[in-house]
Each structure stands twice: as C-alpha cells, then as structure tokens.
Amino acid sequence: MSWDIVLFSYKERISSFEEIDELLFEPTDFCFVLESHFDKIVTDGDHKSIKGKDFEIEYFNDNGKEANKILNLYGENGFYEIIILAKKYNWQIFDTSSGEMIDLENPANNGCKSFQEYLSGILRR
C-alpha cells in the first residue's frame, strides 16, 4: 500500500490550508530535482519510479514547473529521502493520510508513525 504525500514550494510556512494564498506558491520543477538526486529511476511513459534501498517512490512527470507534486511512497526510507530534499530545497510536505503538514525537524511526530497506525487500522477492517 502506498503512502501519498504532496510536496509544496511556498514562500511561507503553511500552517493552515484555509490561509493559503495562491500567489505565494513558487513554481518548481520537482521532477528535475528528483531525477537529479536519485540514481535508479524507471520510466514508463510519464510514470516514474525511483528505486532505492527498501523503498520506492512513484510520481508522474509533468514536464515543467508546478506549485505542488504528489508522490506515492512505499517504504519508510523513501519518506526520509524526501525529507532530505524538502529541507535542502525549502519544500513543505503534506501527509494525505493524516491531513497534516509534516514536521520536517521531527518527522516521526506526524509522519511514518502516523502512517503505520493508519495502515494498521485499514488492515484490521
């Protein structure tokens, strides 16, 4: 099962989605950064799959700059790799399963731990 996150390039810290100003988004070529950072990327048309040690990250190539990028993560290591990039490029990460922004300094507070709890709850149903 994948863990879906959204990367944002925004001029201010996002604390509430109700307060987002569309003019503060910074168009970014997320695909270029991902492809420059990772070595093993499998391409099938516009679909890209980054293969790493105990993780996989999937996304679609949009050929240009955009305000956000949806990624599907498989494996906790992929989550931490994305956090490294987010810190480096001043991106923010939204966790679609919790509906919260990821605390990049303390990702276990609302990141993988929350996802694992969410996944366990779904599997128990």
Protein backbone atom coordinates (compact mmCIF):
# COMPACT_ATOMS: atom_id res chain seq x y z
CA MET A 1 0.00 0.00 0.00
CA SER A 2 1.32 3.44 -0.85
CA TRP A 3 1.61 6.46 1.34
CA ASP A 4 0.59 9.59 -0.56
CA ILE A 5 2.25 12.92 0.16
CA VAL A 6 2.21 16.29 -1.54
CA LEU A 7 5.31 18.45 -1.91
CA PHE A 8 4.84 22.23 -1.87
CA SER A 9 7.12 25.09 -2.75
CA TYR A 10 5.57 28.02 -0.92
CA LYS A 11 7.05 31.35 0.18
CA GLU A 12 5.84 31.00 3.80
CA ARG A 13 5.30 28.14 6.25
CA ILE A 14 1.89 26.58 5.66
CA SER A 15 0.10 26.16 8.95
CA SER A 16 -3.49 26.12 7.73
CA PHE A 17 -4.83 25.38 4.27
CA GLU A 18 -7.61 27.91 4.81
CA GLU A 19 -4.96 30.65 4.81
CA ILE A 20 -3.13 29.65 1.60
CA ASP A 21 -2.61 32.46 -0.86
CA GLU A 22 -2.23 31.11 -4.42
CA LEU A 23 0.18 33.97 -5.20
CA LEU A 24 2.70 32.61 -2.68
CA PHE A 25 3.26 29.31 -4.48
CA GLU A 26 6.67 29.10 -6.13
CA PRO A 27 6.55 27.08 -9.35
CA THR A 28 9.22 24.40 -9.11
CA ASP A 29 10.49 21.66 -11.39
CA PHE A 30 10.10 18.88 -8.81
CA CYS A 31 10.74 16.18 -11.43
CA PHE A 32 14.10 17.68 -12.37
CA VAL A 33 15.19 17.77 -8.72
CA LEU A 34 14.03 14.19 -8.09
CA GLU A 35 15.78 12.91 -11.19
CA SER A 36 18.97 14.79 -10.32
CA HIS A 37 19.02 13.42 -6.78
CA PHE A 38 18.25 9.73 -7.31
CA ASP A 39 20.27 7.28 -9.37
CA LYS A 40 17.84 4.50 -10.23
CA ILE A 41 14.68 5.74 -11.95
CA VAL A 42 12.48 3.51 -14.06
CA THR A 43 10.41 5.33 -16.70
CA ASP A 44 7.22 4.08 -18.33
CA GLY A 45 5.81 6.94 -20.37
CA ASP A 46 5.07 9.77 -17.94
CA HIS A 47 5.16 7.41 -14.94
CA LYS A 48 8.42 7.41 -12.98
CA SER A 49 9.51 5.03 -10.25
CA ILE A 50 12.53 5.74 -8.07
CA LYS A 51 14.04 2.54 -6.70
CA GLY A 52 16.13 2.72 -3.55
CA LYS A 53 17.23 0.59 -0.63
CA ASP A 54 14.00 -0.67 0.91
CA PHE A 55 11.84 1.98 -0.76
CA GLU A 56 10.15 3.07 -3.94
CA ILE A 57 8.78 6.50 -4.87
CA GLU A 58 6.32 6.86 -7.74
CA TYR A 59 5.15 10.00 -9.49
CA PHE A 60 4.15 11.32 -12.89
CA ASN A 61 6.39 13.59 -14.94
CA ASP A 62 4.66 16.88 -15.68
CA ASN A 63 7.41 18.37 -17.86
CA GLY A 64 7.80 21.70 -16.17
CA LYS A 65 7.31 23.83 -13.12
CA GLU A 66 4.35 23.39 -10.83
CA ALA A 67 3.22 24.53 -7.38
CA ASN A 68 3.00 21.04 -5.92
CA LYS A 69 3.80 17.41 -6.67
CA ILE A 70 2.01 14.26 -5.49
CA LEU A 71 4.26 11.31 -4.65
CA ASN A 72 3.40 7.73 -3.74
CA LEU A 73 5.86 6.31 -1.24
CA TYR A 74 6.50 2.66 -0.48
CA GLY A 75 8.79 2.11 2.49
CA GLU A 76 9.89 4.34 5.34
CA ASN A 77 13.31 5.04 3.80
CA GLY A 78 11.64 6.82 0.89
CA PHE A 79 9.93 9.14 3.35
CA TYR A 80 13.25 10.13 4.89
CA GLU A 81 14.85 10.63 1.46
CA ILE A 82 12.07 13.07 0.56
CA ILE A 83 12.54 14.90 3.87
CA ILE A 84 16.21 15.40 2.98
CA LEU A 85 15.18 17.01 -0.32
CA ALA A 86 12.46 19.08 1.32
CA LYS A 87 14.94 20.54 3.78
CA LYS A 88 17.51 21.21 1.07
CA TYR A 89 15.04 22.98 -1.26
CA ASN A 90 12.82 24.54 1.41
CA TRP A 91 9.80 22.48 0.40
CA GLN A 92 6.92 21.53 2.64
CA ILE A 93 5.21 18.14 2.81
CA PHE A 94 1.52 17.41 3.31
CA ASP A 95 0.55 13.92 4.53
CA THR A 96 -2.72 12.98 2.82
CA SER A 97 -3.46 10.19 5.32
CA SER A 98 -3.35 12.44 8.39
CA GLY A 99 -4.41 15.67 6.69
CA GLU A 100 -1.45 17.47 8.30
CA MET A 101 1.79 19.08 7.27
CA ILE A 102 4.90 17.03 8.11
CA ASP A 103 7.20 18.47 10.77
CA LEU A 104 10.49 18.20 8.87
CA GLU A 105 12.55 18.56 12.05
CA ASN A 106 10.61 15.80 13.86
CA PRO A 107 9.02 13.65 11.14
CA ALA A 108 8.18 10.78 13.49
CA ASN A 109 5.75 13.11 15.28
CA ASN A 110 3.31 13.01 12.39
CA GLY A 111 4.99 11.07 9.63
CA CYS A 112 5.74 7.40 9.37
CA LYS A 113 4.41 6.57 12.82
CA SER A 114 1.02 8.07 11.92
CA PHE A 115 1.04 6.32 8.57
CA GLN A 116 1.77 2.95 10.18
CA GLU A 117 -1.13 3.47 12.62
CA TYR A 118 -3.40 4.42 9.72
CA LEU A 119 -2.31 1.39 7.71
CA SER A 120 -2.83 -0.95 10.68
CA GLY A 121 -6.34 0.43 11.13
CA ILE A 122 -7.20 -0.23 7.48
CA LEU A 123 -5.78 -3.74 7.56
CA ARG A 124 -7.83 -4.59 10.68
CA ARG A 125 -11.11 -3.67 8.93
